[in-house]
Amino acid sequence: MVSHIAHVIDPKTRTMAVELDVDNTARKLVPGAYAEVLWARASRHATLFVPPTSVVQTTERTYV
């Protein structure tokens, strides 16, 4: 669940900090670690639109 949103976008990276509350009873997340997050959404239709300049493509993946 999203617990905090920074509401400030870094103009260089076009990123915004978001804090999540997660169930970590399995102790897989440790302090200082990074996690890959899959965002669940209610709709099966595309609902997120971003400017094309916000999309970055590398040889490994495409991300915003």
PDB file of N, CA and C in Angstrom:
ATOM      1  N   MET A   1       0.841  -1.170   0.000  1.00  0.00           N
ATOM      2  CA  MET A   1       0.000   0.000   0.000  1.00  0.00           C
ATOM      3  C   MET A   1       0.895   1.245   0.000  1.00  0.00           C
ATOM      4  N   VAL A   2       0.564   2.227  -0.800  1.00  0.00           N
ATOM      5  CA  VAL A   2       1.308   3.485  -0.839  1.00  0.00           C
ATOM      6  C   VAL A   2       1.019   4.247   0.449  1.00  0.00           C
ATOM      7  N   SER A   3       2.078   4.594   1.172  1.00  0.00           N
ATOM      8  CA  SER A   3       1.878   5.314   2.431  1.00  0.00           C
ATOM      9  C   SER A   3       2.251   6.794   2.335  1.00  0.00           C
ATOM     10  N   HIS A   4       3.218   7.130   1.479  1.00  0.00           N
ATOM     11  CA  HIS A   4       3.619   8.522   1.297  1.00  0.00           C
ATOM     12  C   HIS A   4       4.055   8.756  -0.147  1.00  0.00           C
ATOM     13  N   ILE A   5       3.740   9.937  -0.666  1.00  0.00           N
ATOM     14  CA  ILE A   5       4.169  10.349  -1.999  1.00  0.00           C
ATOM     15  C   ILE A   5       4.855  11.698  -1.849  1.00  0.00           C
ATOM     16  N   ALA A   6       6.020  11.840  -2.446  1.00  0.00           N
ATOM     17  CA  ALA A   6       6.799  13.068  -2.292  1.00  0.00           C
ATOM     18  C   ALA A   6       6.128  14.276  -2.946  1.00  0.00           C
ATOM     19  N   HIS A   7       5.415  14.081  -4.054  1.00  0.00           N
ATOM     20  CA  HIS A   7       4.778  15.172  -4.810  1.00  0.00           C
ATOM     21  C   HIS A   7       5.800  16.175  -5.344  1.00  0.00           C
ATOM     22  N   VAL A   8       7.071  15.750  -5.457  1.00  0.00           N
ATOM     23  CA  VAL A   8       8.123  16.580  -6.042  1.00  0.00           C
ATOM     24  C   VAL A   8       8.856  15.721  -7.058  1.00  0.00           C
ATOM     25  N   ILE A   9       8.914  16.188  -8.288  1.00  0.00           N
ATOM     26  CA  ILE A   9       9.582  15.435  -9.351  1.00  0.00           C
ATOM     27  C   ILE A   9      10.983  15.986  -9.567  1.00  0.00           C
ATOM     28  N   ASP A  10      11.968  15.100  -9.584  1.00  0.00           N
ATOM     29  CA  ASP A  10      13.350  15.477  -9.872  1.00  0.00           C
ATOM     30  C   ASP A  10      13.422  15.803 -11.362  1.00  0.00           C
ATOM     31  N   PRO A  11      13.731  17.047 -11.721  1.00  0.00           N
ATOM     32  CA  PRO A  11      13.731  17.427 -13.140  1.00  0.00           C
ATOM     33  C   PRO A  11      14.791  16.711 -13.970  1.00  0.00           C
ATOM     34  N   LYS A  12      15.880  16.263 -13.352  1.00  0.00           N
ATOM     35  CA  LYS A  12      16.932  15.574 -14.097  1.00  0.00           C
ATOM     36  C   LYS A  12      16.541  14.142 -14.445  1.00  0.00           C
ATOM     37  N   THR A  13      15.957  13.434 -13.485  1.00  0.00           N
ATOM     38  CA  THR A  13      15.630  12.025 -13.705  1.00  0.00           C
ATOM     39  C   THR A  13      14.150  11.785 -13.963  1.00  0.00           C
ATOM     40  N   ARG A  14      13.336  12.821 -13.722  1.00  0.00           N
ATOM     41  CA  ARG A  14      11.885  12.721 -13.860  1.00  0.00           C
ATOM     42  C   ARG A  14      11.320  11.599 -12.995  1.00  0.00           C
ATOM     43  N   THR A  15      11.851  11.492 -11.787  1.00  0.00           N
ATOM     44  CA  THR A  15      11.384  10.489 -10.839  1.00  0.00           C
ATOM     45  C   THR A  15      10.767  11.175  -9.626  1.00  0.00           C
ATOM     46  N   MET A  16       9.959  10.421  -8.897  1.00  0.00           N
ATOM     47  CA  MET A  16       9.325  10.929  -7.687  1.00  0.00           C
ATOM     48  C   MET A  16       9.373   9.822  -6.638  1.00  0.00           C
ATOM     49  N   ALA A  17       9.781  10.174  -5.439  1.00  0.00           N
ATOM     50  CA  ALA A  17       9.861   9.186  -4.361  1.00  0.00           C
ATOM     51  C   ALA A  17       8.467   8.793  -3.881  1.00  0.00           C
ATOM     52  N   VAL A  18       8.295   7.492  -3.681  1.00  0.00           N
ATOM     53  CA  VAL A  18       7.052   6.943  -3.159  1.00  0.00           C
ATOM     54  C   VAL A  18       7.427   5.947  -2.073  1.00  0.00           C
ATOM     55  N   GLU A  19       6.730   6.012  -0.944  1.00  0.00           N
ATOM     56  CA  GLU A  19       6.998   5.079   0.146  1.00  0.00           C
ATOM     57  C   GLU A  19       5.848   4.087   0.251  1.00  0.00           C
ATOM     58  N   LEU A  20       6.200   2.814   0.365  1.00  0.00           N
ATOM     59  CA  LEU A  20       5.199   1.753   0.430  1.00  0.00           C
ATOM     60  C   LEU A  20       5.277   1.023   1.764  1.00  0.00           C
ATOM     61  N   ASP A  21       4.146   0.576   2.256  1.00  0.00           N
ATOM     62  CA  ASP A  21       4.096  -0.332   3.392  1.00  0.00           C
ATOM     63  C   ASP A  21       3.882  -1.726   2.827  1.00  0.00           C
ATOM     64  N   VAL A  22       4.772  -2.661   3.174  1.00  0.00           N
ATOM     65  CA  VAL A  22       4.691  -4.013   2.638  1.00  0.00           C
ATOM     66  C   VAL A  22       4.752  -5.043   3.763  1.00  0.00           C
ATOM     67  N   ASP A  23       4.170  -6.196   3.501  1.00  0.00           N
ATOM     68  CA  ASP A  23       4.250  -7.320   4.422  1.00  0.00           C
ATOM     69  C   ASP A  23       5.612  -7.975   4.241  1.00  0.00           C
ATOM     70  N   ASN A  24       6.434  -7.950   5.267  1.00  0.00           N
ATOM     71  CA  ASN A  24       7.774  -8.528   5.195  1.00  0.00           C
ATOM     72  C   ASN A  24       7.941  -9.636   6.243  1.00  0.00           C
ATOM     73  N   THR A  25       6.886 -10.393   6.465  1.00  0.00           N
ATOM     74  CA  THR A  25       6.972 -11.452   7.466  1.00  0.00           C
ATOM     75  C   THR A  25       7.979 -12.524   7.081  1.00  0.00           C
ATOM     76  N   ALA A  26       8.254 -12.702   5.807  1.00  0.00           N
ATOM     77  CA  ALA A  26       9.239 -13.686   5.353  1.00  0.00           C
ATOM     78  C   ALA A  26      10.666 -13.159   5.484  1.00  0.00           C
ATOM     79  N   ARG A  27      10.830 -11.885   5.868  1.00  0.00           N
ATOM     80  CA  ARG A  27      12.140 -11.265   6.070  1.00  0.00           C
ATOM     81  C   ARG A  27      13.017 -11.284   4.818  1.00  0.00           C
ATOM     82  N   LYS A  28      12.392 -11.159   3.654  1.00  0.00           N
ATOM     83  CA  LYS A  28      13.161 -11.114   2.407  1.00  0.00           C
ATOM     84  C   LYS A  28      13.732  -9.729   2.147  1.00  0.00           C
ATOM     85  N   LEU A  29      13.064  -8.694   2.670  1.00  0.00           N
ATOM     86  CA  LEU A  29      13.573  -7.332   2.526  1.00  0.00           C
ATOM     87  C   LEU A  29      14.437  -7.007   3.732  1.00  0.00           C
ATOM     88  N   VAL A  30      15.627  -6.474   3.466  1.00  0.00           N
ATOM     89  CA  VAL A  30      16.545  -6.101   4.538  1.00  0.00           C
ATOM     90  C   VAL A  30      16.867  -4.618   4.409  1.00  0.00           C
ATOM     91  N   PRO A  31      17.295  -3.974   5.487  1.00  0.00           N
ATOM     92  CA  PRO A  31      17.618  -2.542   5.422  1.00  0.00           C
ATOM     93  C   PRO A  31      18.623  -2.239   4.310  1.00  0.00           C
ATOM     94  N   GLY A  32      18.332  -1.203   3.533  1.00  0.00           N
ATOM     95  CA  GLY A  32      19.209  -0.769   2.452  1.00  0.00           C
ATOM     96  C   GLY A  32      19.013  -1.514   1.145  1.00  0.00           C
ATOM     97  N   ALA A  33      18.136  -2.501   1.133  1.00  0.00           N
ATOM     98  CA  ALA A  33      17.912  -3.295  -0.076  1.00  0.00           C
ATOM     99  C   ALA A  33      16.939  -2.581  -1.010  1.00  0.00           C
ATOM    100  N   TYR A  34      16.985  -2.962  -2.276  1.00  0.00           N
ATOM    101  CA  TYR A  34      16.048  -2.469  -3.266  1.00  0.00           C
ATOM    102  C   TYR A  34      15.156  -3.623  -3.681  1.00  0.00           C
ATOM    103  N   ALA A  35      13.927  -3.303  -4.021  1.00  0.00           N
ATOM    104  CA  ALA A  35      12.981  -4.340  -4.430  1.00  0.00           C
ATOM    105  C   ALA A  35      12.408  -3.999  -5.795  1.00  0.00           C
ATOM    106  N   GLU A  36      12.076  -5.024  -6.550  1.00  0.00           N
ATOM    107  CA  GLU A  36      11.363  -4.827  -7.810  1.00  0.00           C
ATOM    108  C   GLU A  36       9.882  -4.907  -7.480  1.00  0.00           C
ATOM    109  N   VAL A  37       9.129  -3.920  -7.925  1.00  0.00           N
ATOM    110  CA  VAL A  37       7.717  -3.822  -7.558  1.00  0.00           C
ATOM    111  C   VAL A  37       6.845  -3.994  -8.791  1.00  0.00           C
ATOM    112  N   LEU A  38       5.830  -4.824  -8.678  1.00  0.00           N
ATOM    113  CA  LEU A  38       4.820  -4.963  -9.723  1.00  0.00           C
ATOM    114  C   LEU A  38       3.565  -4.268  -9.213  1.00  0.00           C
ATOM    115  N   TRP A  39       3.163  -3.212  -9.913  1.00  0.00           N
ATOM    116  CA  TRP A  39       2.003  -2.433  -9.476  1.00  0.00           C
ATOM    117  C   TRP A  39       0.733  -3.108  -9.954  1.00  0.00           C
ATOM    118  N   ALA A  40      -0.124  -3.456  -9.023  1.00  0.00           N
ATOM    119  CA  ALA A  40      -1.437  -4.004  -9.380  1.00  0.00           C
ATOM    120  C   ALA A  40      -2.335  -2.840  -9.773  1.00  0.00           C
ATOM    121  N   ARG A  41      -3.168  -3.066 -10.731  1.00  0.00           N
ATOM    122  CA  ARG A  41      -4.101  -2.017 -11.135  1.00  0.00           C
ATOM    123  C   ARG A  41      -5.475  -2.621 -11.326  1.00  0.00           C
ATOM    124  N   ALA A  42      -6.486  -1.820 -11.128  1.00  0.00           N
ATOM    125  CA  ALA A  42      -7.860  -2.297 -11.166  1.00  0.00           C
ATOM    126  C   ALA A  42      -8.347  -2.552 -12.585  1.00  0.00           C
ATOM    127  N   SER A  43      -7.809  -1.838 -13.547  1.00  0.00           N
ATOM    128  CA  SER A  43      -8.283  -1.934 -14.922  1.00  0.00           C
ATOM    129  C   SER A  43      -7.326  -2.749 -15.775  1.00  0.00           C
ATOM    130  N   ARG A  44      -7.864  -3.486 -16.715  1.00  0.00           N
ATOM    131  CA  ARG A  44      -7.012  -4.225 -17.644  1.00  0.00           C
ATOM    132  C   ARG A  44      -6.631  -3.351 -18.835  1.00  0.00           C
ATOM    133  N   HIS A  45      -7.209  -2.169 -18.906  1.00  0.00           N
ATOM    134  CA  HIS A  45      -6.934  -1.244 -20.007  1.00  0.00           C
ATOM    135  C   HIS A  45      -5.810  -0.298 -19.613  1.00  0.00           C
ATOM    136  N   ALA A  46      -5.060   0.173 -20.583  1.00  0.00           N
ATOM    137  CA  ALA A  46      -3.991   1.130 -20.317  1.00  0.00           C
ATOM    138  C   ALA A  46      -4.574   2.391 -19.699  1.00  0.00           C
ATOM    139  N   THR A  47      -4.073   2.782 -18.533  1.00  0.00           N
ATOM    140  CA  THR A  47      -4.593   3.958 -17.849  1.00  0.00           C
ATOM    141  C   THR A  47      -3.520   4.983 -17.529  1.00  0.00           C
ATOM    142  N   LEU A  48      -2.272   4.650 -17.790  1.00  0.00           N
ATOM    143  CA  LEU A  48      -1.182   5.555 -17.480  1.00  0.00           C
ATOM    144  C   LEU A  48      -0.590   6.099 -18.777  1.00  0.00           C
ATOM    145  N   PHE A  49      -0.573   7.412 -18.887  1.00  0.00           N
ATOM    146  CA  PHE A  49      -0.005   8.045 -20.064  1.00  0.00           C
ATOM    147  C   PHE A  49       1.126   8.956 -19.627  1.00  0.00           C
ATOM    148  N   VAL A  50       2.252   8.871 -20.284  1.00  0.00           N
ATOM    149  CA  VAL A  50       3.399   9.719 -19.988  1.00  0.00           C
ATOM    150  C   VAL A  50       3.937  10.285 -21.293  1.00  0.00           C
ATOM    151  N   PRO A  51       4.625  11.410 -21.233  1.00  0.00           N
ATOM    152  CA  PRO A  51       5.218  11.953 -22.445  1.00  0.00           C
ATOM    153  C   PRO A  51       6.260  10.978 -23.004  1.00  0.00           C
ATOM    154  N   PRO A  52       6.366  10.875 -24.308  1.00  0.00           N
ATOM    155  CA  PRO A  52       7.352   9.970 -24.906  1.00  0.00           C
ATOM    156  C   PRO A  52       8.780  10.233 -24.419  1.00  0.00           C
ATOM    157  N   THR A  53       9.073  11.476 -24.061  1.00  0.00           N
ATOM    158  CA  THR A  53      10.420  11.799 -23.587  1.00  0.00           C
ATOM    159  C   THR A  53      10.696  11.221 -22.197  1.00  0.00           C
ATOM    160  N   SER A  54       9.657  10.733 -21.502  1.00  0.00           N
ATOM    161  CA  SER A  54       9.831  10.121 -20.186  1.00  0.00           C
ATOM    162  C   SER A  54      10.167   8.639 -20.278  1.00  0.00           C
ATOM    163  N   VAL A  55      10.048   8.063 -21.451  1.00  0.00           N
ATOM    164  CA  VAL A  55      10.300   6.636 -21.630  1.00  0.00           C
ATOM    165  C   VAL A  55      11.753   6.430 -22.039  1.00  0.00           C
ATOM    166  N   VAL A  56      12.441   5.556 -21.299  1.00  0.00           N
ATOM    167  CA  VAL A  56      13.851   5.267 -21.564  1.00  0.00           C
ATOM    168  C   VAL A  56      13.966   3.815 -21.994  1.00  0.00           C
ATOM    169  N   GLN A  57      14.690   3.584 -23.071  1.00  0.00           N
ATOM    170  CA  GLN A  57      14.906   2.227 -23.547  1.00  0.00           C
ATOM    171  C   GLN A  57      16.383   1.898 -23.482  1.00  0.00           C
ATOM    172  N   THR A  58      16.697   0.735 -22.908  1.00  0.00           N
ATOM    173  CA  THR A  58      18.063   0.231 -22.898  1.00  0.00           C
ATOM    174  C   THR A  58      18.047  -1.113 -23.618  1.00  0.00           C
ATOM    175  N   THR A  59      19.195  -1.744 -23.706  1.00  0.00           N
ATOM    176  CA  THR A  59      19.236  -3.054 -24.353  1.00  0.00           C
ATOM    177  C   THR A  59      18.535  -4.116 -23.506  1.00  0.00           C
ATOM    178  N   GLU A  60      18.365  -3.836 -22.209  1.00  0.00           N
ATOM    179  CA  GLU A  60      17.763  -4.803 -21.301  1.00  0.00           C
ATOM    180  C   GLU A  60      16.286  -4.592 -21.051  1.00  0.00           C
ATOM    181  N   ARG A  61      15.817  -3.314 -21.048  1.00  0.00           N
ATOM    182  CA  ARG A  61      14.424  -3.060 -20.694  1.00  0.00           C
ATOM    183  C   ARG A  61      13.971  -1.676 -21.123  1.00  0.00           C
ATOM    184  N   THR A  62      12.689  -1.442 -20.982  1.00  0.00           N
ATOM    185  CA  THR A  62      12.089  -0.132 -21.217  1.00  0.00           C
ATOM    186  C   THR A  62      11.461   0.299 -19.913  1.00  0.00           C
ATOM    187  N   TYR A  63      11.711   1.535 -19.492  1.00  0.00           N
ATOM    188  CA  TYR A  63      11.152   2.018 -18.235  1.00  0.00           C
ATOM    189  C   TYR A  63      10.887   3.513 -18.306  1.00  0.00           C
ATOM    190  N   VAL A  64      10.112   4.009 -17.324  1.00  0.00           N
ATOM    191  CA  VAL A  64       9.770   5.420 -17.231  1.00  0.00           C
ATOM    192  C   VAL A  64      10.637   6.037 -16.153  1.00  0.00           C
TER     193      VAL A  64
END
